[in-house]
Amino acid sequence: MARFPLGLLLALVVVLGGLVVSCDSSDPSGPVGDVSLPADFPRDQVPLLDGRLTQATGTRAEGWSLTVQGEYGGPNVFDAAVSKLVKDGYTESSRTGDGGTRTVILSKKHDRETYWVTVASSPRAAGGPNSVFYQVSVT
């Protein structure tokens, strides 16, 4: 997997943060929200933070972009999202932080595929500091 320059990752976090919308229905297989996970999203292989799914786009061929808004006043959503992936067998390959924006890239092999997940958060996101952004791909 190619490494993303920090500036590009930060721009992605800001752009995705601007897409956050209000949601109120539930999806019993993952985060709640008016937005549904794409049909081909690997739900069983990529555990997501519990919270409101406010943005979900992409396909297996191009990768997926998701935004989950965690509970206000709850635990640190960034750390909780990363911890959930690590508990599921993901290994951290890099970590960056700048101006409060944090990013972690993790991977996990399953069968003959490798799942790559980038988790990011920013205090400047439209959804506030309790939003977590995911970039997911399979190779």
C-alpha atoms as a PDB file:
ATOM      1  CA  MET A   1       0.000   0.000   0.000  1.00  0.00           C
ATOM      2  CA  ALA A   2       1.297   3.435  -0.849  1.00  0.00           C
ATOM      3  CA  ARG A   3       1.891   5.831   2.023  1.00  0.00           C
ATOM      4  CA  PHE A   4      -0.136   9.051   1.968  1.00  0.00           C
ATOM      5  CA  PRO A   5       1.635  12.372   2.546  1.00  0.00           C
ATOM      6  CA  LEU A   6       0.551  13.953   5.838  1.00  0.00           C
ATOM      7  CA  GLY A   7      -0.806  17.051   4.030  1.00  0.00           C
ATOM      8  CA  LEU A   8      -3.041  14.901   1.820  1.00  0.00           C
ATOM      9  CA  LEU A   9      -4.311  12.971   4.847  1.00  0.00           C
ATOM     10  CA  LEU A  10      -5.059  16.210   6.698  1.00  0.00           C
ATOM     11  CA  ALA A  11      -6.925  17.581   3.670  1.00  0.00           C
ATOM     12  CA  LEU A  12      -8.951  14.367   3.541  1.00  0.00           C
ATOM     13  CA  VAL A  13      -9.897  14.734   7.213  1.00  0.00           C
ATOM     14  CA  VAL A  14     -11.031  18.342   6.677  1.00  0.00           C
ATOM     15  CA  VAL A  15     -13.037  17.471   3.529  1.00  0.00           C
ATOM     16  CA  LEU A  16     -14.714  14.479   5.151  1.00  0.00           C
ATOM     17  CA  GLY A  17     -15.445  16.570   8.223  1.00  0.00           C
ATOM     18  CA  GLY A  18     -17.391  18.978   6.060  1.00  0.00           C
ATOM     19  CA  LEU A  19     -19.640  16.152   4.901  1.00  0.00           C
ATOM     20  CA  VAL A  20     -20.969  15.336   8.364  1.00  0.00           C
ATOM     21  CA  VAL A  21     -24.766  15.393   8.541  1.00  0.00           C
ATOM     22  CA  SER A  22     -27.336  14.718  11.262  1.00  0.00           C
ATOM     23  CA  CYS A  23     -28.658  11.156  11.564  1.00  0.00           C
ATOM     24  CA  ASP A  24     -31.198   9.343  13.758  1.00  0.00           C
ATOM     25  CA  SER A  25     -32.128   5.837  12.578  1.00  0.00           C
ATOM     26  CA  SER A  26     -30.319   2.619  13.448  1.00  0.00           C
ATOM     27  CA  ASP A  27     -28.511  -0.179  11.650  1.00  0.00           C
ATOM     28  CA  PRO A  28     -28.260  -3.218  13.956  1.00  0.00           C
ATOM     29  CA  SER A  29     -25.062  -4.500  12.302  1.00  0.00           C
ATOM     30  CA  GLY A  30     -22.875  -1.453  12.966  1.00  0.00           C
ATOM     31  CA  PRO A  31     -23.006   2.259  13.651  1.00  0.00           C
ATOM     32  CA  VAL A  32     -26.422   3.914  13.649  1.00  0.00           C
ATOM     33  CA  GLY A  33     -27.459   6.639  11.197  1.00  0.00           C
ATOM     34  CA  ASP A  34     -29.526   7.603   8.174  1.00  0.00           C
ATOM     35  CA  VAL A  35     -26.543   6.626   6.036  1.00  0.00           C
ATOM     36  CA  SER A  36     -26.030   2.927   5.239  1.00  0.00           C
ATOM     37  CA  LEU A  37     -22.752   1.142   4.749  1.00  0.00           C
ATOM     38  CA  PRO A  38     -22.071   0.358   1.084  1.00  0.00           C
ATOM     39  CA  ALA A  39     -23.409  -3.095   0.167  1.00  0.00           C
ATOM     40  CA  ASP A  40     -19.924  -4.530  -0.433  1.00  0.00           C
ATOM     41  CA  PHE A  41     -18.326  -3.066   2.719  1.00  0.00           C
ATOM     42  CA  PRO A  42     -16.526  -5.840   4.673  1.00  0.00           C
ATOM     43  CA  ARG A  43     -18.534  -5.542   7.912  1.00  0.00           C
ATOM     44  CA  ASP A  44     -17.158  -8.770   9.359  1.00  0.00           C
ATOM     45  CA  GLN A  45     -13.532  -7.768   8.767  1.00  0.00           C
ATOM     46  CA  VAL A  46     -13.568  -4.067   9.710  1.00  0.00           C
ATOM     47  CA  PRO A  47     -15.084  -3.327  13.128  1.00  0.00           C
ATOM     48  CA  LEU A  48     -16.237   0.288  13.349  1.00  0.00           C
ATOM     49  CA  LEU A  49     -16.646   2.608  16.283  1.00  0.00           C
ATOM     50  CA  ASP A  50     -20.130   2.528  17.834  1.00  0.00           C
ATOM     51  CA  GLY A  51     -21.874   5.788  17.025  1.00  0.00           C
ATOM     52  CA  ARG A  52     -23.663   7.594  14.196  1.00  0.00           C
ATOM     53  CA  LEU A  53     -22.650   6.729  10.657  1.00  0.00           C
ATOM     54  CA  THR A  54     -22.814  10.125   8.981  1.00  0.00           C
ATOM     55  CA  GLN A  55     -21.023   9.453   5.682  1.00  0.00           C
ATOM     56  CA  ALA A  56     -20.265   6.264   3.743  1.00  0.00           C
ATOM     57  CA  THR A  57     -19.122   6.036   0.131  1.00  0.00           C
ATOM     58  CA  GLY A  58     -17.021   3.834  -2.100  1.00  0.00           C
ATOM     59  CA  THR A  59     -16.754   0.337  -3.461  1.00  0.00           C
ATOM     60  CA  ARG A  60     -14.439  -2.614  -3.051  1.00  0.00           C
ATOM     61  CA  ALA A  61     -12.611  -1.617  -6.242  1.00  0.00           C
ATOM     62  CA  GLU A  62     -11.950   1.992  -5.165  1.00  0.00           C
ATOM     63  CA  GLY A  63     -11.974   1.655  -1.377  1.00  0.00           C
ATOM     64  CA  TRP A  64     -14.435   3.069   1.135  1.00  0.00           C
ATOM     65  CA  SER A  65     -14.612   6.379   3.049  1.00  0.00           C
ATOM     66  CA  LEU A  66     -16.678   6.507   6.228  1.00  0.00           C
ATOM     67  CA  THR A  67     -17.376   8.987   8.992  1.00  0.00           C
ATOM     68  CA  VAL A  68     -18.645   7.845  12.387  1.00  0.00           C
ATOM     69  CA  GLN A  69     -19.642  10.341  15.049  1.00  0.00           C
ATOM     70  CA  GLY A  70     -19.041   8.968  18.535  1.00  0.00           C
ATOM     71  CA  GLU A  71     -20.993   9.736  21.678  1.00  0.00           C
ATOM     72  CA  TYR A  72     -20.616  13.264  23.095  1.00  0.00           C
ATOM     73  CA  GLY A  73     -18.871  13.120  26.443  1.00  0.00           C
ATOM     74  CA  GLY A  74     -17.968   9.468  25.853  1.00  0.00           C
ATOM     75  CA  PRO A  75     -14.505   7.978  25.671  1.00  0.00           C
ATOM     76  CA  ASN A  76     -11.862   9.350  23.309  1.00  0.00           C
ATOM     77  CA  VAL A  77     -13.343   8.200  19.992  1.00  0.00           C
ATOM     78  CA  PHE A  78     -10.051   8.076  18.113  1.00  0.00           C
ATOM     79  CA  ASP A  79      -8.423   5.813  20.699  1.00  0.00           C
ATOM     80  CA  ALA A  80     -11.602   3.708  20.939  1.00  0.00           C
ATOM     81  CA  ALA A  81     -11.709   3.223  17.141  1.00  0.00           C
ATOM     82  CA  VAL A  82      -8.043   2.205  16.970  1.00  0.00           C
ATOM     83  CA  SER A  83      -8.400  -0.078  20.011  1.00  0.00           C
ATOM     84  CA  LYS A  84     -11.388  -1.855  18.446  1.00  0.00           C
ATOM     85  CA  LEU A  85      -9.356  -2.620  15.315  1.00  0.00           C
ATOM     86  CA  VAL A  86      -6.307  -3.794  17.306  1.00  0.00           C
ATOM     87  CA  LYS A  87      -8.519  -6.117  19.384  1.00  0.00           C
ATOM     88  CA  ASP A  88      -9.760  -7.588  16.083  1.00  0.00           C
ATOM     89  CA  GLY A  89      -6.206  -8.456  15.007  1.00  0.00           C
ATOM     90  CA  TYR A  90      -5.110  -5.304  13.163  1.00  0.00           C
ATOM     91  CA  THR A  91      -1.480  -4.179  13.438  1.00  0.00           C
ATOM     92  CA  GLU A  92      -0.518  -0.523  13.508  1.00  0.00           C
ATOM     93  CA  SER A  93       1.985   0.403  10.804  1.00  0.00           C
ATOM     94  CA  SER A  94       2.217   4.182  11.269  1.00  0.00           C
ATOM     95  CA  ARG A  95       0.923   7.001  13.425  1.00  0.00           C
ATOM     96  CA  THR A  96       1.012  10.767  12.846  1.00  0.00           C
ATOM     97  CA  GLY A  97      -0.319  13.812  14.611  1.00  0.00           C
ATOM     98  CA  ASP A  98      -0.271  17.522  13.860  1.00  0.00           C
ATOM     99  CA  GLY A  99      -2.277  20.343  15.415  1.00  0.00           C
ATOM    100  CA  GLY A 100      -4.646  17.948  17.165  1.00  0.00           C
ATOM    101  CA  THR A 101      -5.306  15.938  14.006  1.00  0.00           C
ATOM    102  CA  ARG A 102      -4.307  12.305  14.493  1.00  0.00           C
ATOM    103  CA  THR A 103      -3.980   9.484  11.959  1.00  0.00           C
ATOM    104  CA  VAL A 104      -3.185   5.782  12.314  1.00  0.00           C
ATOM    105  CA  ILE A 105      -2.744   3.238   9.510  1.00  0.00           C
ATOM    106  CA  LEU A 106      -3.464  -0.388  10.410  1.00  0.00           C
ATOM    107  CA  SER A 107      -3.582  -3.646   8.485  1.00  0.00           C
ATOM    108  CA  LYS A 108      -4.805  -7.215   8.919  1.00  0.00           C
ATOM    109  CA  LYS A 109      -4.419 -10.305   6.761  1.00  0.00           C
ATOM    110  CA  HIS A 110      -7.490 -12.491   6.320  1.00  0.00           C
ATOM    111  CA  ASP A 111      -7.416 -15.465   3.971  1.00  0.00           C
ATOM    112  CA  ARG A 112      -5.489 -14.192   0.925  1.00  0.00           C
ATOM    113  CA  GLU A 113      -6.408 -10.524   1.386  1.00  0.00           C
ATOM    114  CA  THR A 114      -4.958  -7.666   3.375  1.00  0.00           C
ATOM    115  CA  TYR A 115      -7.321  -5.081   4.843  1.00  0.00           C
ATOM    116  CA  TRP A 116      -5.864  -1.577   5.212  1.00  0.00           C
ATOM    117  CA  VAL A 117      -7.638   0.907   7.469  1.00  0.00           C
ATOM    118  CA  THR A 118      -6.651   4.516   8.024  1.00  0.00           C
ATOM    119  CA  VAL A 119      -8.347   6.070  11.055  1.00  0.00           C
ATOM    120  CA  ALA A 120      -8.225   9.849  11.520  1.00  0.00           C
ATOM    121  CA  SER A 121      -9.735  12.497  13.762  1.00  0.00           C
ATOM    122  CA  SER A 122      -9.542  16.270  13.914  1.00  0.00           C
ATOM    123  CA  PRO A 123     -10.793  18.784  16.481  1.00  0.00           C
ATOM    124  CA  ARG A 124     -11.631  21.053  13.503  1.00  0.00           C
ATOM    125  CA  ALA A 125     -14.009  18.540  11.860  1.00  0.00           C
ATOM    126  CA  ALA A 126     -17.562  19.704  11.235  1.00  0.00           C
ATOM    127  CA  GLY A 127     -18.813  16.909  13.514  1.00  0.00           C
ATOM    128  CA  GLY A 128     -16.464  18.059  16.249  1.00  0.00           C
ATOM    129  CA  PRO A 129     -13.688  16.173  17.970  1.00  0.00           C
ATOM    130  CA  ASN A 130     -15.942  13.142  18.442  1.00  0.00           C
ATOM    131  CA  SER A 131     -15.889  12.253  14.709  1.00  0.00           C
ATOM    132  CA  VAL A 132     -13.684   9.484  13.337  1.00  0.00           C
ATOM    133  CA  PHE A 133     -12.857   9.102   9.651  1.00  0.00           C
ATOM    134  CA  TYR A 134     -12.047   5.760   8.050  1.00  0.00           C
ATOM    135  CA  GLN A 135     -10.376   4.994   4.713  1.00  0.00           C
ATOM    136  CA  VAL A 136     -10.607   1.260   4.011  1.00  0.00           C
ATOM    137  CA  SER A 137      -9.108  -0.776   1.178  1.00  0.00           C
ATOM    138  CA  VAL A 138      -8.496  -4.446   0.392  1.00  0.00           C
ATOM    139  CA  THR A 139      -5.467  -5.764  -1.489  1.00  0.00           C
END
